[in-house]
Amino acid sequence: MSKLAKREGPDSVAPVTIDRVRYEALHWGKELGLDQNGGYVAAFDTSTGQRLWTLKVYDVVYDPNREGDVQDVFITRLSEFDGKLRVANEDKRQFVVDPKTKSISEL
């Protein structure tokens, strides 16, 4: 693969609102100074639009011998699950984030 070849970007993920907080998948974390692309969720106050917090839901493990962009694992779906945020990714893994404690569990 040439150095100019890049993976196509991920599909858009619809945000989810729970208790006046909007949750969005952050696909391009490295552009925001984070340590990986994919795996991050940001919470926003729906009345002000202010970002409340950003949370890494899962780690992306990069092999230094392979091109980084083909190893990114993006969030594919967000949904509400019993007052919590369910997160699904390209590797078919699913997680539940408790917005009150920011705790994460894998399903």
C-alpha atoms as a PDB file:
ATOM      1  CA  MET A   1       0.000   0.000   0.000  1.00  0.00           C
ATOM      2  CA  SER A   2       1.417   3.363  -0.945  1.00  0.00           C
ATOM      3  CA  LYS A   3       2.004   6.103   1.590  1.00  0.00           C
ATOM      4  CA  LEU A   4      -0.719   8.148  -0.132  1.00  0.00           C
ATOM      5  CA  ALA A   5      -3.346   5.424   0.104  1.00  0.00           C
ATOM      6  CA  LYS A   6      -5.822   6.127   2.832  1.00  0.00           C
ATOM      7  CA  ARG A   7      -8.751   4.240   4.192  1.00  0.00           C
ATOM      8  CA  GLU A   8     -12.157   5.674   3.427  1.00  0.00           C
ATOM      9  CA  GLY A   9     -13.651   7.544   6.336  1.00  0.00           C
ATOM     10  CA  PRO A  10     -16.286   5.951   8.536  1.00  0.00           C
ATOM     11  CA  ASP A  11     -20.015   6.426   8.024  1.00  0.00           C
ATOM     12  CA  SER A  12     -21.736   9.107  10.056  1.00  0.00           C
ATOM     13  CA  VAL A  13     -23.147   7.968  13.372  1.00  0.00           C
ATOM     14  CA  ALA A  14     -26.398   9.502  14.578  1.00  0.00           C
ATOM     15  CA  PRO A  15     -26.066  11.206  17.962  1.00  0.00           C
ATOM     16  CA  VAL A  16     -28.152  10.048  20.935  1.00  0.00           C
ATOM     17  CA  THR A  17     -29.763  12.279  23.551  1.00  0.00           C
ATOM     18  CA  ILE A  18     -30.312  11.022  27.102  1.00  0.00           C
ATOM     19  CA  ASP A  19     -31.521  13.372  29.868  1.00  0.00           C
ATOM     20  CA  ARG A  20     -30.696  16.606  27.983  1.00  0.00           C
ATOM     21  CA  VAL A  21     -27.188  15.427  27.082  1.00  0.00           C
ATOM     22  CA  ARG A  22     -26.286  14.672  23.448  1.00  0.00           C
ATOM     23  CA  TYR A  23     -23.688  11.973  22.839  1.00  0.00           C
ATOM     24  CA  GLU A  24     -21.633  11.895  19.649  1.00  0.00           C
ATOM     25  CA  ALA A  25     -18.996   9.541  18.272  1.00  0.00           C
ATOM     26  CA  LEU A  26     -15.649  11.283  17.699  1.00  0.00           C
ATOM     27  CA  HIS A  27     -14.124   9.592  14.699  1.00  0.00           C
ATOM     28  CA  TRP A  28     -10.944  11.605  14.178  1.00  0.00           C
ATOM     29  CA  GLY A  29      -9.482  11.731  17.673  1.00  0.00           C
ATOM     30  CA  LYS A  30      -5.901  12.231  16.506  1.00  0.00           C
ATOM     31  CA  GLU A  31      -6.914  15.502  14.829  1.00  0.00           C
ATOM     32  CA  LEU A  32      -8.165  16.636  18.249  1.00  0.00           C
ATOM     33  CA  GLY A  33      -4.911  15.711  20.009  1.00  0.00           C
ATOM     34  CA  LEU A  34      -6.194  12.360  21.303  1.00  0.00           C
ATOM     35  CA  ASP A  35      -4.155   9.176  21.063  1.00  0.00           C
ATOM     36  CA  GLN A  36      -6.290   7.270  18.541  1.00  0.00           C
ATOM     37  CA  ASN A  37      -8.949   7.567  15.862  1.00  0.00           C
ATOM     38  CA  GLY A  38     -12.244   5.988  16.862  1.00  0.00           C
ATOM     39  CA  GLY A  39     -13.356   4.759  20.244  1.00  0.00           C
ATOM     40  CA  TYR A  40     -14.216   8.148  21.735  1.00  0.00           C
ATOM     41  CA  VAL A  41     -17.600   9.569  22.708  1.00  0.00           C
ATOM     42  CA  ALA A  42     -18.242  13.225  23.522  1.00  0.00           C
ATOM     43  CA  ALA A  43     -21.110  14.509  25.674  1.00  0.00           C
ATOM     44  CA  PHE A  44     -22.717  17.904  24.990  1.00  0.00           C
ATOM     45  CA  ASP A  45     -25.240  19.940  26.958  1.00  0.00           C
ATOM     46  CA  THR A  46     -28.257  20.182  24.625  1.00  0.00           C
ATOM     47  CA  SER A  47     -29.236  23.663  25.836  1.00  0.00           C
ATOM     48  CA  THR A  48     -25.838  25.333  25.474  1.00  0.00           C
ATOM     49  CA  GLY A  49     -24.002  23.069  23.017  1.00  0.00           C
ATOM     50  CA  GLN A  50     -21.040  23.064  25.426  1.00  0.00           C
ATOM     51  CA  ARG A  51     -18.925  19.931  25.499  1.00  0.00           C
ATOM     52  CA  LEU A  52     -19.199  18.383  28.948  1.00  0.00           C
ATOM     53  CA  TRP A  53     -16.673  15.569  28.588  1.00  0.00           C
ATOM     54  CA  THR A  54     -14.910  13.193  26.231  1.00  0.00           C
ATOM     55  CA  LEU A  55     -14.480   9.522  27.070  1.00  0.00           C
ATOM     56  CA  LYS A  56     -12.401   6.750  25.516  1.00  0.00           C
ATOM     57  CA  VAL A  57     -14.741   3.741  25.321  1.00  0.00           C
ATOM     58  CA  TYR A  58     -12.181   1.237  23.998  1.00  0.00           C
ATOM     59  CA  ASP A  59      -8.528   1.095  22.976  1.00  0.00           C
ATOM     60  CA  VAL A  60      -7.347   0.742  19.403  1.00  0.00           C
ATOM     61  CA  VAL A  61      -4.107  -1.267  19.404  1.00  0.00           C
ATOM     62  CA  TYR A  62      -1.836  -0.159  16.573  1.00  0.00           C
ATOM     63  CA  ASP A  63       0.820  -2.398  15.018  1.00  0.00           C
ATOM     64  CA  PRO A  64       3.794  -0.123  14.225  1.00  0.00           C
ATOM     65  CA  ASN A  65       4.633  -2.313  11.204  1.00  0.00           C
ATOM     66  CA  ARG A  66       1.327  -1.538   9.483  1.00  0.00           C
ATOM     67  CA  GLU A  67      -0.110   1.706   8.161  1.00  0.00           C
ATOM     68  CA  GLY A  68      -2.056   3.337  10.975  1.00  0.00           C
ATOM     69  CA  ASP A  69      -5.199   4.435   9.174  1.00  0.00           C
ATOM     70  CA  VAL A  70      -6.139   0.899   8.125  1.00  0.00           C
ATOM     71  CA  GLN A  71      -6.036  -0.141  11.790  1.00  0.00           C
ATOM     72  CA  ASP A  72      -8.465   2.483  13.088  1.00  0.00           C
ATOM     73  CA  VAL A  73     -11.619   0.978  14.625  1.00  0.00           C
ATOM     74  CA  PHE A  74     -14.556   3.356  14.466  1.00  0.00           C
ATOM     75  CA  ILE A  75     -17.834   3.521  16.319  1.00  0.00           C
ATOM     76  CA  THR A  76     -20.685   2.417  14.040  1.00  0.00           C
ATOM     77  CA  ARG A  77     -23.734   3.010  16.219  1.00  0.00           C
ATOM     78  CA  LEU A  78     -24.864   4.782  19.369  1.00  0.00           C
ATOM     79  CA  SER A  79     -28.158   3.972  21.064  1.00  0.00           C
ATOM     80  CA  GLU A  80     -29.903   4.424  24.388  1.00  0.00           C
ATOM     81  CA  PHE A  81     -30.079   1.326  26.587  1.00  0.00           C
ATOM     82  CA  ASP A  82     -31.930   1.582  29.908  1.00  0.00           C
ATOM     83  CA  GLY A  83     -30.744   5.157  30.503  1.00  0.00           C
ATOM     84  CA  LYS A  84     -27.228   4.276  29.434  1.00  0.00           C
ATOM     85  CA  LEU A  85     -25.352   4.689  26.158  1.00  0.00           C
ATOM     86  CA  ARG A  86     -24.742   1.604  24.031  1.00  0.00           C
ATOM     87  CA  VAL A  87     -21.759   1.846  21.689  1.00  0.00           C
ATOM     88  CA  ALA A  88     -21.089  -0.565  18.800  1.00  0.00           C
ATOM     89  CA  ASN A  89     -17.890  -0.594  16.734  1.00  0.00           C
ATOM     90  CA  GLU A  90     -16.539  -1.989  13.467  1.00  0.00           C
ATOM     91  CA  ASP A  91     -15.083  -5.022  15.232  1.00  0.00           C
ATOM     92  CA  LYS A  92     -18.643  -6.024  16.242  1.00  0.00           C
ATOM     93  CA  ARG A  93     -17.889  -5.274  19.894  1.00  0.00           C
ATOM     94  CA  GLN A  94     -20.513  -3.563  22.040  1.00  0.00           C
ATOM     95  CA  PHE A  95     -20.084  -1.474  25.155  1.00  0.00           C
ATOM     96  CA  VAL A  96     -22.372   0.223  27.659  1.00  0.00           C
ATOM     97  CA  VAL A  97     -21.392   3.589  29.095  1.00  0.00           C
ATOM     98  CA  ASP A  98     -23.074   4.826  32.262  1.00  0.00           C
ATOM     99  CA  PRO A  99     -23.238   8.597  31.674  1.00  0.00           C
ATOM    100  CA  LYS A 100     -23.476   9.364  35.402  1.00  0.00           C
ATOM    101  CA  THR A 101     -20.302   7.513  36.425  1.00  0.00           C
ATOM    102  CA  LYS A 102     -18.579   7.296  33.002  1.00  0.00           C
ATOM    103  CA  SER A 103     -18.032   3.604  33.721  1.00  0.00           C
ATOM    104  CA  ILE A 104     -17.745   1.260  30.741  1.00  0.00           C
ATOM    105  CA  SER A 105     -18.661  -2.382  30.421  1.00  0.00           C
ATOM    106  CA  GLU A 106     -18.398  -4.630  27.396  1.00  0.00           C
ATOM    107  CA  LEU A 107     -21.382  -6.720  26.388  1.00  0.00           C
END
